[in-house]
Protein backbone atom coordinates (compact mmCIF):
# COMPACT_ATOMS: atom_id res chain seq x y z
CA MET A 1 269.36 94.11 99.20
CA LYS A 2 269.49 91.44 96.49
CA THR A 3 271.66 92.36 93.06
CA SER A 4 271.75 89.80 90.03
CA PHE A 5 273.10 90.11 87.03
CA HIS A 6 271.06 89.65 83.96
CA ARG A 7 271.45 89.00 79.89
CA ILE A 8 267.91 89.88 78.27
CA TYR A 9 267.52 89.56 74.30
CA THR A 10 266.00 92.43 72.17
CA LYS A 11 263.38 91.42 68.96
CA ASP A 12 266.13 91.67 66.90
CA LYS A 13 267.92 88.90 68.87
CA LEU A 14 270.80 91.35 70.64
CA GLU A 15 272.35 90.32 73.99
CA LEU A 16 272.10 93.28 76.07
CA HIS A 17 273.27 92.95 79.95
CA GLY A 18 272.62 94.64 83.40
CA LEU A 19 271.37 94.34 87.11
CA LEU A 20 268.19 93.99 88.92
CA TYR A 21 268.62 95.70 92.76
CA GLN A 22 265.84 94.66 94.81
CA PRO A 23 264.26 95.20 98.14
CA ASP A 24 265.11 91.77 100.58
CA ARG A 25 261.31 91.16 100.36
CA LYS A 26 258.76 91.07 96.94
CA VAL A 27 257.59 94.14 95.72
CA LYS A 28 255.64 95.39 92.60
CA THR A 29 257.51 98.71 91.96
CA ALA A 30 260.23 99.49 89.73
CA LEU A 31 262.48 101.77 88.38
CA ALA A 32 264.19 101.08 84.96
CA HIS A 33 267.40 103.38 83.78
CA VAL A 34 268.06 104.60 80.27
CA HIS A 35 272.68 105.19 80.31
CA GLY A 36 273.64 108.19 78.33
CA MET A 37 275.62 108.34 75.25
CA ALA A 38 278.41 105.81 75.29
CA ARG A 39 277.76 104.98 78.65
CA ASN A 40 276.70 101.77 80.80
CA PHE A 41 274.63 100.40 83.39
CA TYR A 42 277.52 100.76 85.94
CA GLU A 43 279.91 103.94 85.38
CA ASN A 44 277.85 106.57 86.52
CA ARG A 45 278.21 106.97 90.20
CA PHE A 46 274.90 108.28 91.35
CA LEU A 47 273.77 104.93 90.22
CA ASP A 48 275.48 103.55 93.28
CA SER A 49 273.08 105.67 95.58
CA LEU A 50 269.49 105.13 93.23
CA ALA A 51 270.47 101.40 94.46
CA LYS A 52 270.99 101.95 98.17
CA ILE A 53 268.18 103.99 98.72
CA LEU A 54 265.76 103.26 96.56
CA THR A 55 265.66 99.39 97.51
CA GLN A 56 265.82 100.54 101.36
CA ASN A 57 262.66 101.96 100.26
CA ASP A 58 261.15 98.72 98.44
CA ILE A 59 261.69 100.07 95.22
CA ALA A 60 263.54 97.45 92.90
CA PHE A 61 266.77 99.68 90.80
CA SER A 62 267.18 98.06 87.33
CA PRO A 63 270.04 100.40 85.42
CA PHE A 64 270.60 98.25 81.66
CA ASN A 65 273.09 98.54 78.55
CA ASN A 66 271.79 99.35 75.43
CA ARG A 67 273.11 98.75 72.13
CA GLY A 68 274.67 102.41 72.18
CA ASN A 69 276.92 101.68 75.08
CA GLY A 70 280.34 102.36 75.03
CA HIS A 71 282.13 103.68 72.67
CA LEU A 72 282.97 100.89 69.97
CA ILE A 73 282.19 97.46 71.16
CA THR A 74 281.39 93.95 70.15
CA LEU A 75 278.08 92.22 70.91
CA VAL A 76 276.71 88.96 70.64
CA LYS A 77 273.84 88.54 68.35
CA LYS A 78 271.74 85.22 69.14
CA ILE A 79 270.22 83.85 66.08
CA ASN A 80 268.72 80.34 65.47
CA LYS A 81 270.58 79.16 68.49
CA LYS A 82 273.65 79.82 67.25
CA PHE A 83 275.59 83.38 68.04
CA GLU A 84 277.09 85.38 66.31
CA TYR A 85 279.20 88.73 67.26
CA VAL A 86 278.29 92.09 65.80
CA LYS A 87 280.14 95.54 65.94
CA ILE A 88 277.71 98.24 67.42
CA GLY A 89 278.20 100.73 70.58
CA ASN A 90 277.69 104.58 70.26
CA ALA A 91 279.93 104.28 67.18
CA PHE A 92 277.47 102.27 64.95
CA GLU A 93 273.81 102.52 66.48
CA ARG A 94 271.19 103.58 65.30
CA PHE A 95 268.53 105.85 67.46
CA LYS A 96 265.73 104.30 66.72
CA ASP A 97 266.36 100.66 67.51
CA CYS A 98 265.98 102.36 71.24
CA ILE A 99 262.80 101.32 70.89
CA LEU A 100 263.83 97.50 70.76
CA ASP A 101 266.49 98.01 73.83
CA ILE A 102 264.02 99.66 76.16
CA LYS A 103 260.99 97.32 75.34
CA ALA A 104 263.38 94.41 76.33
CA HIS A 105 263.85 95.61 79.36
CA LEU A 106 260.31 96.76 80.45
CA ASP A 107 259.38 93.33 79.22
CA PHE A 108 262.16 91.65 81.41
CA LEU A 109 260.65 93.67 84.54
CA GLU A 110 256.87 92.66 83.92
CA ASN A 111 258.02 89.53 83.95
CA ARG A 112 259.47 89.07 86.73
CA GLY A 113 256.57 90.48 88.58
CA PHE A 114 256.91 94.48 88.32
CA ASN A 115 253.45 96.40 87.62
CA ASN A 116 254.51 100.06 89.00
CA ILE A 117 257.26 100.48 86.41
CA HIS A 118 258.83 104.00 86.21
CA LEU A 119 261.65 104.95 83.62
CA SER A 120 264.59 107.11 83.62
CA GLY A 121 267.01 108.43 81.45
CA HIS A 122 270.36 110.42 81.95
CA SER A 123 271.31 112.95 79.21
CA LEU A 124 270.66 111.02 75.71
CA GLY A 125 269.17 108.68 77.77
CA THR A 126 266.36 111.29 77.93
CA CYS A 127 265.89 111.15 74.61
CA LYS A 128 265.77 107.87 73.89
CA ALA A 129 263.17 107.08 76.62
CA THR A 130 260.75 109.95 75.54
CA TYR A 131 260.86 109.14 71.78
CA TYR A 132 259.85 105.45 73.12
CA LEU A 133 257.02 106.32 75.72
CA ALA A 134 255.98 108.75 72.38
CA LYS A 135 256.13 105.98 69.99
CA THR A 136 254.89 103.32 71.65
CA GLN A 137 252.59 104.82 74.30
CA ASP A 138 253.46 102.06 76.91
CA LYS A 139 250.97 101.65 79.45
CA ARG A 140 253.63 99.93 82.02
CA VAL A 141 255.14 102.86 82.38
CA LYS A 142 254.10 105.11 85.23
CA SER A 143 256.08 107.77 85.18
CA LEU A 144 259.14 109.46 83.03
CA ILE A 145 261.79 110.81 84.80
CA LEU A 146 264.63 113.50 82.90
CA LEU A 147 268.04 113.15 84.28
CA SER A 148 269.78 116.07 82.78
CA PRO A 149 268.01 116.46 79.63
CA SER A 150 270.58 117.06 76.45
CA ASP A 151 270.14 119.60 73.49
CA MET A 152 272.03 117.16 70.86
CA LEU A 153 271.74 118.99 67.97
CA GLY A 154 272.39 122.28 69.41
CA LEU A 155 275.60 120.62 71.35
CA VAL A 156 276.87 119.56 68.05
CA ARG A 157 275.76 122.70 66.22
CA GLU A 158 277.51 124.93 68.93
CA ASP A 159 281.01 124.98 66.56
CA LYS A 160 279.21 125.55 63.02
CA LYS A 161 282.09 125.74 60.77
CA ARG A 162 283.42 121.96 62.40
CA PHE A 163 279.73 120.96 62.61
CA LYS A 164 279.70 122.02 58.42
CA LYS A 165 282.38 120.40 58.22
CA ASP A 166 281.68 117.70 59.82
CA ILE A 167 278.08 116.78 58.34
CA ASP A 168 279.70 117.37 54.86
CA THR A 169 282.13 114.93 55.69
CA ALA A 170 279.47 111.72 56.81
CA LYS A 171 277.46 112.98 53.29
CA LYS A 172 279.72 112.34 50.94
CA MET A 173 281.03 108.97 52.85
CA ILE A 174 277.43 107.58 52.81
CA LYS A 175 277.13 108.86 49.34
CA LYS A 176 280.11 106.67 48.44
CA LYS A 177 278.76 103.95 50.17
CA ARG A 178 281.15 104.52 52.94
CA GLY A 179 278.60 105.03 55.80
CA ASP A 180 280.00 102.17 58.01
CA LYS A 181 283.01 103.79 58.50
CA LEU A 182 284.13 105.60 60.76
CA MET A 183 284.36 109.80 60.78
CA PRO A 184 287.87 110.45 60.64
CA GLN A 185 287.77 113.03 63.69
CA GLU A 186 285.69 112.08 66.49
CA VAL A 187 282.56 113.96 67.69
CA TRP A 188 283.70 116.55 70.04
CA ASP A 189 287.08 115.28 69.67
CA GLU A 190 285.64 111.84 72.28
CA TYR A 191 283.41 109.93 70.29
CA PRO A 192 284.45 107.94 67.26
CA MET A 193 281.25 107.63 65.35
CA CYS A 194 280.50 106.21 62.36
CA ALA A 195 279.52 108.46 59.05
CA ASN A 196 275.65 106.48 59.03
CA THR A 197 275.27 107.52 63.09
CA TYR A 198 276.37 110.60 62.76
CA PHE A 199 274.16 111.64 59.71
CA ASP A 200 271.57 109.64 62.48
CA LEU A 201 271.94 111.43 65.04
CA PHE A 202 272.68 115.27 63.92
CA GLY A 203 271.38 115.92 60.68
CA ASN A 204 268.41 117.80 59.56
CA ASN A 205 266.02 114.84 59.91
CA SER A 206 267.66 113.62 63.01
CA LEU A 207 264.62 111.41 65.62
CA ALA A 208 267.29 112.15 68.14
CA ALA A 209 266.11 116.17 68.02
CA ILE A 210 263.92 115.23 70.72
CA PHE A 211 265.00 118.74 73.54
CA ASN A 212 265.87 121.57 70.86
CA PHE A 213 266.35 123.98 73.34
CA HIS A 214 268.37 125.74 71.13
CA ASN A 215 265.57 126.13 68.35
CA PRO A 216 262.96 128.77 69.56
CA SER A 217 260.60 127.40 66.77
CA ASP A 218 261.16 123.87 67.24
CA LYS A 219 257.54 122.40 68.18
CA PHE A 220 258.61 120.33 70.76
CA LYS A 221 255.88 116.86 68.62
CA ILE A 222 256.99 114.51 70.97
CA LEU A 223 257.58 115.55 73.71
CA SER A 224 254.22 116.67 73.32
CA GLN A 225 253.32 113.07 72.91
CA ILE A 226 254.19 112.04 76.52
CA SER A 227 250.94 111.23 78.08
CA CYS A 228 252.24 110.38 81.57
CA PRO A 229 253.66 112.26 84.61
CA ILE A 230 257.11 113.75 83.90
CA PHE A 231 259.75 114.79 86.29
CA ALA A 232 262.81 116.84 85.25
CA ILE A 233 265.87 117.04 87.32
CA MET A 234 269.24 119.20 86.29
CA GLY A 235 271.88 121.20 88.40
CA LYS A 236 273.22 124.69 87.75
CA LYS A 237 276.41 123.47 86.34
CA ASP A 238 275.35 121.17 83.54
CA ASP A 239 278.91 121.04 81.40
CA VAL A 240 276.52 120.54 78.83
CA LEU A 241 273.50 123.38 79.04
CA ILE A 242 273.54 125.61 75.69
CA VAL A 243 270.56 128.20 77.15
CA PRO A 244 270.09 129.35 81.15
CA ILE A 245 268.55 126.46 83.25
CA GLU A 246 265.26 128.23 84.03
CA LYS A 247 264.81 128.32 80.09
CA ILE A 248 265.00 124.83 80.18
CA MET A 249 262.78 124.22 82.69
CA LYS A 250 260.20 126.98 81.17
CA ILE A 251 259.89 125.07 77.76
CA ILE A 252 259.18 121.37 78.89
CA LYS A 253 256.63 122.39 80.74
CA GLU A 254 255.28 124.29 77.95
CA LYS A 255 255.79 121.65 75.69
CA ALA A 256 254.49 118.90 77.89
CA THR A 257 251.15 119.31 77.18
CA SER A 258 249.54 115.67 77.11
CA SER A 259 251.36 114.81 80.69
CA PRO A 260 248.80 115.11 83.62
CA GLN A 261 252.24 116.39 85.48
CA CYS A 262 255.32 118.00 85.10
CA LYS A 263 257.73 118.89 87.68
CA PHE A 264 261.25 119.93 87.52
CA LYS A 265 264.09 120.31 90.04
CA ILE A 266 266.90 122.53 89.64
CA LEU A 267 269.40 120.36 92.19
CA GLY A 268 271.52 123.22 93.65
CA ASN A 269 275.04 123.41 91.35
CA ALA A 270 275.24 119.75 89.95
CA THR A 271 277.12 118.88 87.04
CA HIS A 272 275.87 116.78 84.36
CA ASP A 273 276.36 114.04 86.06
CA TYR A 274 275.66 114.65 89.54
CA ARG A 275 279.34 114.69 91.03
CA GLY A 276 278.66 115.44 94.95
CA TYR A 277 274.79 115.20 94.61
CA GLU A 278 274.32 111.36 94.34
CA LYS A 279 271.90 111.08 97.48
CA GLU A 280 269.91 113.89 97.15
CA LEU A 281 269.53 112.87 93.31
CA ALA A 282 268.31 109.74 94.76
CA LYS A 283 265.89 110.78 97.54
CA ASN A 284 264.08 113.22 95.08
CA ILE A 285 263.26 110.36 92.52
CA LEU A 286 262.38 108.47 95.96
CA ASN A 287 259.57 110.61 96.94
CA TRP A 288 258.88 111.06 92.80
CA ILE A 289 257.79 107.54 92.92
CA LYS A 290 256.59 107.12 95.96
CA SER A 291 254.25 110.41 95.05
CA PHE A 292 251.95 106.99 92.83
């Protein structure tokens, strides 16, 4: 296995970092991966297993950071051969910019000769990957792999009292031209977030509201626009489940109306991050990709 570190630049000139794991011989198939909320291209242990098992079977693997990596970070922006620093990370990202990040990643792989590309996302990354494909219909992507698809709105709105307080705070801050300032309370007491980002992710018109499993009347319009095969994987012990896993499976299969194939795998008692199930996860993804 050959491993190389890369920097890629988005259309708006933001510098993103990631890895490309390649088999020892040249191949055409690759899996691009989108990390979850405030995560990165190296933290989840299942990424190690994916890199090892995929490359052993002649498939390249490329996990890359997007602008939502980390809680609060500084990234480089390249402007006219000069560089400046911008404060971003999960605390300041805007969801729609995932299109810029994922496109740059896929362009990077295409430019290196890969023409059989699959796209996976984990947690919030499933929302970003699905949104990207629905909006771009990028034909370079042969299939979409959803790892622990998450109902972001449902998770926040479980605590109705807390959500009302936070959304009201975000609205007031935005009205006072303080939308770019951090909220007084962190989301789930863990994620610092500015008012603009909070409203962007969790407001009534949220673009991140891809998998509204908590809302029986939701039309799942973005999911219904996916025209490539879909493979969703979850574990019974996923700690961010807000509805039964069987209901999630039923909704995804029913709402993915434009997809020619929709497969769902319940990976035993795996958690949201697949601890202890990393190899099994990688083998399921391998078998899925090899079927194309």
